[in-house]
């Protein structure tokens, strides 16, 4: 699946200016940043409720394709600015992580 295909899913919306079309190979769910750093795989999309700037550093370190903030969590302004600077696409979903994973699976991921 490509990042551009995420935007066709009603429950997901892009919240920054990055229009990258990276490949998505996997989904990683986690909120404990040290655990995500140690276990996340590149080309994954990361589902989290953490909204602060440190998530951008973790996403860059693990070479994630994008971050999706679940349960309508909105990233703060500092996070948006840093993500734009580092070209990391940020999305928000109204779904919780489990429901979003089910939806992504139904869409072919």
N, C-alpha and C. Protein backbone atom coordinates (compact mmCIF):
# COMPACT_ATOMS: atom_id res chain seq x y z
N UNK A 1 0.85 -1.18 0.00
CA UNK A 1 0.00 0.00 0.00
C UNK A 1 0.89 1.24 0.00
N UNK A 2 0.39 2.29 -0.61
CA UNK A 2 1.08 3.58 -0.65
C UNK A 2 0.37 4.57 0.28
N UNK A 3 1.12 5.57 0.74
CA UNK A 3 0.53 6.60 1.60
C UNK A 3 -0.65 7.29 0.95
N UNK A 4 -0.58 7.50 -0.35
CA UNK A 4 -1.68 8.19 -1.04
C UNK A 4 -3.00 7.42 -0.90
N UNK A 5 -2.93 6.11 -0.75
CA UNK A 5 -4.13 5.31 -0.60
C UNK A 5 -4.80 5.52 0.76
N UNK A 6 -4.04 5.97 1.76
CA UNK A 6 -4.63 6.24 3.08
C UNK A 6 -5.69 7.33 3.00
N UNK A 7 -5.47 8.30 2.12
CA UNK A 7 -6.38 9.43 2.04
C UNK A 7 -7.74 9.06 1.47
N UNK A 8 -7.85 7.87 0.87
CA UNK A 8 -9.16 7.44 0.37
C UNK A 8 -9.98 6.77 1.47
N UNK A 9 -9.40 6.56 2.63
CA UNK A 9 -10.11 5.95 3.75
C UNK A 9 -10.78 7.08 4.54
N UNK A 10 -12.08 7.03 4.67
CA UNK A 10 -12.84 8.13 5.28
C UNK A 10 -12.39 8.50 6.68
N UNK A 11 -11.94 7.54 7.45
CA UNK A 11 -11.61 7.80 8.85
C UNK A 11 -10.19 8.33 9.05
N UNK A 12 -9.50 8.64 7.97
CA UNK A 12 -8.11 9.12 8.06
C UNK A 12 -7.99 10.41 7.27
N UNK A 13 -7.32 11.41 7.87
CA UNK A 13 -7.07 12.66 7.13
C UNK A 13 -5.65 13.15 7.38
N UNK A 14 -5.05 13.69 6.35
CA UNK A 14 -3.71 14.28 6.42
C UNK A 14 -3.80 15.60 7.15
N UNK A 15 -2.89 15.85 8.11
CA UNK A 15 -2.97 17.10 8.88
C UNK A 15 -1.76 18.01 8.71
N UNK A 16 -0.79 17.60 7.90
CA UNK A 16 0.31 18.52 7.60
C UNK A 16 0.47 18.62 6.09
N UNK A 17 1.52 19.24 5.65
CA UNK A 17 1.65 19.59 4.23
C UNK A 17 2.44 18.57 3.42
N UNK A 18 2.82 17.47 3.99
CA UNK A 18 3.65 16.49 3.30
C UNK A 18 2.78 15.61 2.41
N UNK A 19 3.09 15.58 1.15
CA UNK A 19 2.32 14.79 0.18
C UNK A 19 3.20 13.66 -0.38
N UNK A 20 3.97 13.03 0.46
CA UNK A 20 4.84 11.94 0.05
C UNK A 20 4.01 10.70 -0.30
N UNK A 21 4.53 9.85 -1.14
CA UNK A 21 3.81 8.63 -1.51
C UNK A 21 4.67 7.40 -1.22
N UNK A 22 5.18 7.35 -0.01
CA UNK A 22 6.03 6.23 0.40
C UNK A 22 5.23 4.94 0.45
N UNK A 23 5.98 3.84 0.38
CA UNK A 23 5.38 2.52 0.59
C UNK A 23 5.10 2.29 2.06
N UNK A 24 4.05 1.53 2.32
CA UNK A 24 3.73 1.09 3.68
C UNK A 24 3.86 -0.43 3.68
N UNK A 25 4.75 -0.93 4.50
CA UNK A 25 4.96 -2.37 4.58
C UNK A 25 4.31 -3.01 5.80
N UNK A 26 4.05 -2.19 6.83
CA UNK A 26 3.55 -2.76 8.08
C UNK A 26 2.90 -1.65 8.91
N UNK A 27 2.28 -2.06 9.99
CA UNK A 27 1.67 -1.14 10.96
C UNK A 27 2.30 -1.43 12.31
N UNK A 28 2.65 -0.36 13.03
CA UNK A 28 3.18 -0.52 14.38
C UNK A 28 2.30 0.29 15.33
N UNK A 29 1.84 -0.34 16.40
CA UNK A 29 1.01 0.35 17.40
C UNK A 29 1.79 0.42 18.70
N UNK A 30 1.91 1.61 19.25
CA UNK A 30 2.58 1.74 20.53
C UNK A 30 2.64 3.17 20.99
N UNK A 31 2.65 3.33 22.31
CA UNK A 31 2.71 4.67 22.90
C UNK A 31 3.92 4.87 23.81
N UNK A 32 4.59 3.80 24.17
CA UNK A 32 5.79 3.91 25.00
C UNK A 32 6.97 4.13 24.06
N UNK A 33 7.47 5.37 23.99
CA UNK A 33 8.42 5.75 22.96
C UNK A 33 9.68 4.89 22.94
N UNK A 34 10.22 4.53 24.10
CA UNK A 34 11.42 3.71 24.12
C UNK A 34 11.16 2.34 23.51
N UNK A 35 9.98 1.80 23.72
CA UNK A 35 9.63 0.50 23.14
C UNK A 35 9.45 0.61 21.63
N UNK A 36 8.83 1.69 21.18
CA UNK A 36 8.66 1.92 19.75
C UNK A 36 10.02 2.09 19.08
N UNK A 37 10.92 2.83 19.71
CA UNK A 37 12.27 3.02 19.17
C UNK A 37 12.97 1.69 19.01
N UNK A 38 12.82 0.81 19.97
CA UNK A 38 13.53 -0.47 19.95
C UNK A 38 12.91 -1.49 19.01
N UNK A 39 11.62 -1.37 18.72
CA UNK A 39 10.93 -2.43 18.00
C UNK A 39 10.27 -2.03 16.69
N UNK A 40 10.17 -0.76 16.41
CA UNK A 40 9.54 -0.33 15.16
C UNK A 40 10.37 -0.69 13.95
N UNK A 41 9.70 -0.94 12.84
CA UNK A 41 10.37 -1.34 11.60
C UNK A 41 10.18 -0.26 10.54
N UNK A 42 11.21 -0.06 9.73
CA UNK A 42 11.11 0.96 8.68
C UNK A 42 9.99 0.62 7.71
N UNK A 43 9.50 1.66 7.08
CA UNK A 43 8.38 1.61 6.14
C UNK A 43 7.07 1.18 6.80
N UNK A 44 6.98 1.34 8.13
CA UNK A 44 5.73 1.09 8.83
C UNK A 44 5.00 2.41 9.01
N UNK A 45 3.70 2.32 9.20
CA UNK A 45 2.97 3.48 9.71
C UNK A 45 2.79 3.23 11.20
N UNK A 46 2.94 4.27 11.97
CA UNK A 46 2.91 4.17 13.42
C UNK A 46 1.60 4.76 13.92
N UNK A 47 0.84 3.97 14.67
CA UNK A 47 -0.40 4.41 15.27
C UNK A 47 -0.14 4.70 16.74
N UNK A 48 -0.50 5.91 17.17
CA UNK A 48 -0.22 6.34 18.54
C UNK A 48 -1.20 7.40 18.99
N UNK A 49 -1.26 7.60 20.31
CA UNK A 49 -2.00 8.73 20.87
C UNK A 49 -1.03 9.81 21.39
N UNK A 50 0.26 9.53 21.34
CA UNK A 50 1.25 10.53 21.76
C UNK A 50 1.29 11.63 20.70
N UNK A 51 1.22 12.88 21.13
CA UNK A 51 1.09 13.98 20.17
C UNK A 51 2.21 15.02 20.23
N UNK A 52 3.19 14.80 21.08
CA UNK A 52 4.24 15.79 21.29
C UNK A 52 5.41 15.59 20.32
N UNK A 53 6.32 16.51 20.31
CA UNK A 53 7.41 16.56 19.32
C UNK A 53 8.31 15.33 19.36
N UNK A 54 8.41 14.64 20.48
CA UNK A 54 9.29 13.47 20.56
C UNK A 54 8.88 12.35 19.61
N UNK A 55 7.60 12.29 19.22
CA UNK A 55 7.18 11.25 18.28
C UNK A 55 7.85 11.45 16.92
N UNK A 56 8.15 12.67 16.58
CA UNK A 56 8.80 12.93 15.29
C UNK A 56 10.22 12.37 15.30
N UNK A 57 10.93 12.54 16.38
CA UNK A 57 12.29 11.99 16.48
C UNK A 57 12.26 10.46 16.38
N UNK A 58 11.30 9.84 17.02
CA UNK A 58 11.19 8.38 16.97
C UNK A 58 10.84 7.93 15.55
N UNK A 59 9.92 8.62 14.91
CA UNK A 59 9.54 8.26 13.53
C UNK A 59 10.73 8.41 12.58
N UNK A 60 11.51 9.45 12.76
CA UNK A 60 12.68 9.64 11.90
C UNK A 60 13.73 8.56 12.17
N UNK A 61 13.97 8.26 13.43
CA UNK A 61 14.95 7.24 13.80
C UNK A 61 14.59 5.89 13.19
N UNK A 62 13.32 5.54 13.20
CA UNK A 62 12.88 4.23 12.70
C UNK A 62 12.52 4.25 11.21
N UNK A 63 12.61 5.41 10.58
CA UNK A 63 12.28 5.56 9.17
C UNK A 63 10.86 5.08 8.87
N UNK A 64 9.92 5.51 9.74
CA UNK A 64 8.51 5.20 9.51
C UNK A 64 8.02 5.96 8.29
N UNK A 65 7.04 5.38 7.58
CA UNK A 65 6.46 6.05 6.42
C UNK A 65 5.57 7.21 6.83
N UNK A 66 4.91 7.09 7.99
CA UNK A 66 4.01 8.14 8.48
C UNK A 66 3.62 7.82 9.92
N UNK A 67 3.00 8.82 10.55
CA UNK A 67 2.40 8.63 11.87
C UNK A 67 0.90 8.88 11.72
N UNK A 68 0.10 8.01 12.33
CA UNK A 68 -1.34 8.25 12.41
C UNK A 68 -1.70 8.38 13.88
N UNK A 69 -2.23 9.53 14.23
CA UNK A 69 -2.72 9.77 15.59
C UNK A 69 -4.15 9.26 15.64
N UNK A 70 -4.41 8.32 16.53
CA UNK A 70 -5.72 7.68 16.60
C UNK A 70 -6.63 8.38 17.60
N UNK A 71 -7.91 8.04 17.58
CA UNK A 71 -8.93 8.55 18.50
C UNK A 71 -9.04 10.07 18.47
N UNK A 72 -8.88 10.64 17.27
CA UNK A 72 -9.00 12.09 17.06
C UNK A 72 -7.98 12.93 17.82
N UNK A 73 -6.87 12.33 18.20
CA UNK A 73 -5.79 13.08 18.84
C UNK A 73 -5.13 13.95 17.77
N UNK A 74 -5.00 15.23 18.05
CA UNK A 74 -4.38 16.18 17.12
C UNK A 74 -2.97 16.49 17.59
N UNK A 75 -1.98 16.45 16.69
CA UNK A 75 -0.62 16.81 17.09
C UNK A 75 -0.54 18.29 17.42
N UNK A 76 0.35 18.63 18.35
CA UNK A 76 0.49 20.05 18.69
C UNK A 76 1.27 20.78 17.59
N UNK A 77 1.28 22.09 17.67
CA UNK A 77 1.88 22.92 16.62
C UNK A 77 3.37 22.63 16.43
N UNK A 78 4.10 22.47 17.51
CA UNK A 78 5.53 22.18 17.45
C UNK A 78 5.77 20.86 16.70
N UNK A 79 4.92 19.88 16.96
CA UNK A 79 5.03 18.58 16.29
C UNK A 79 4.78 18.72 14.80
N UNK A 80 3.76 19.48 14.42
CA UNK A 80 3.48 19.71 13.01
C UNK A 80 4.64 20.39 12.29
N UNK A 81 5.21 21.40 12.91
CA UNK A 81 6.32 22.12 12.30
C UNK A 81 7.53 21.22 12.08
N UNK A 82 7.87 20.43 13.09
CA UNK A 82 9.03 19.53 12.99
C UNK A 82 8.77 18.44 11.95
N UNK A 83 7.56 17.91 11.90
CA UNK A 83 7.23 16.90 10.90
C UNK A 83 7.36 17.47 9.49
N UNK A 84 6.90 18.70 9.29
CA UNK A 84 7.05 19.34 7.99
C UNK A 84 8.52 19.51 7.62
N UNK A 85 9.30 19.93 8.58
CA UNK A 85 10.73 20.12 8.36
C UNK A 85 11.42 18.82 7.95
N UNK A 86 11.03 17.71 8.56
CA UNK A 86 11.66 16.42 8.31
C UNK A 86 10.91 15.57 7.28
N UNK A 87 9.86 16.13 6.68
CA UNK A 87 9.07 15.45 5.64
C UNK A 87 8.44 14.16 6.13
N UNK A 88 7.82 14.22 7.29
CA UNK A 88 7.11 13.07 7.85
C UNK A 88 5.62 13.34 7.78
N UNK A 89 4.89 12.58 6.99
CA UNK A 89 3.44 12.78 6.90
C UNK A 89 2.74 12.43 8.21
N UNK A 90 1.80 13.28 8.60
CA UNK A 90 1.01 13.07 9.81
C UNK A 90 -0.46 12.98 9.44
N UNK A 91 -1.12 11.96 9.99
CA UNK A 91 -2.54 11.75 9.76
C UNK A 91 -3.25 11.68 11.10
N UNK A 92 -4.55 11.95 11.10
CA UNK A 92 -5.40 11.77 12.27
C UNK A 92 -6.54 10.85 11.86
N UNK A 93 -6.87 9.92 12.75
CA UNK A 93 -8.00 9.02 12.52
C UNK A 93 -8.98 9.13 13.67
N UNK A 94 -10.24 9.03 13.34
CA UNK A 94 -11.28 9.02 14.37
C UNK A 94 -11.36 7.66 15.06
N UNK A 95 -10.79 6.64 14.45
CA UNK A 95 -10.87 5.28 14.99
C UNK A 95 -9.82 5.04 16.07
N UNK A 96 -10.07 4.05 16.93
CA UNK A 96 -9.03 3.62 17.85
C UNK A 96 -8.05 2.73 17.08
N UNK A 97 -6.93 2.40 17.68
CA UNK A 97 -5.87 1.67 16.98
C UNK A 97 -6.34 0.31 16.46
N UNK A 98 -7.10 -0.42 17.26
CA UNK A 98 -7.57 -1.74 16.83
C UNK A 98 -8.51 -1.63 15.64
N UNK A 99 -9.47 -0.75 15.73
CA UNK A 99 -10.43 -0.57 14.64
C UNK A 99 -9.73 -0.09 13.37
N UNK A 100 -8.74 0.78 13.53
CA UNK A 100 -8.01 1.27 12.36
C UNK A 100 -7.19 0.15 11.72
N UNK A 101 -6.58 -0.69 12.53
CA UNK A 101 -5.84 -1.84 11.98
C UNK A 101 -6.76 -2.76 11.20
N UNK A 102 -7.95 -3.00 11.73
CA UNK A 102 -8.91 -3.83 11.00
C UNK A 102 -9.25 -3.19 9.66
N UNK A 103 -9.46 -1.89 9.69
CA UNK A 103 -9.81 -1.17 8.45
C UNK A 103 -8.65 -1.21 7.45
N UNK A 104 -7.43 -1.03 7.91
CA UNK A 104 -6.28 -1.09 7.03
C UNK A 104 -6.12 -2.48 6.42
N UNK A 105 -6.38 -3.49 7.20
CA UNK A 105 -6.34 -4.86 6.71
C UNK A 105 -7.40 -5.08 5.61
N UNK A 106 -8.58 -4.55 5.83
CA UNK A 106 -9.65 -4.66 4.83
C UNK A 106 -9.28 -3.93 3.54
N UNK A 107 -8.47 -2.89 3.67
CA UNK A 107 -8.06 -2.11 2.50
C UNK A 107 -6.84 -2.72 1.78
N UNK A 108 -6.32 -3.81 2.32
CA UNK A 108 -5.25 -4.52 1.63
C UNK A 108 -3.86 -4.40 2.22
N UNK A 109 -3.74 -3.78 3.37
CA UNK A 109 -2.41 -3.67 3.98
C UNK A 109 -2.08 -4.91 4.78
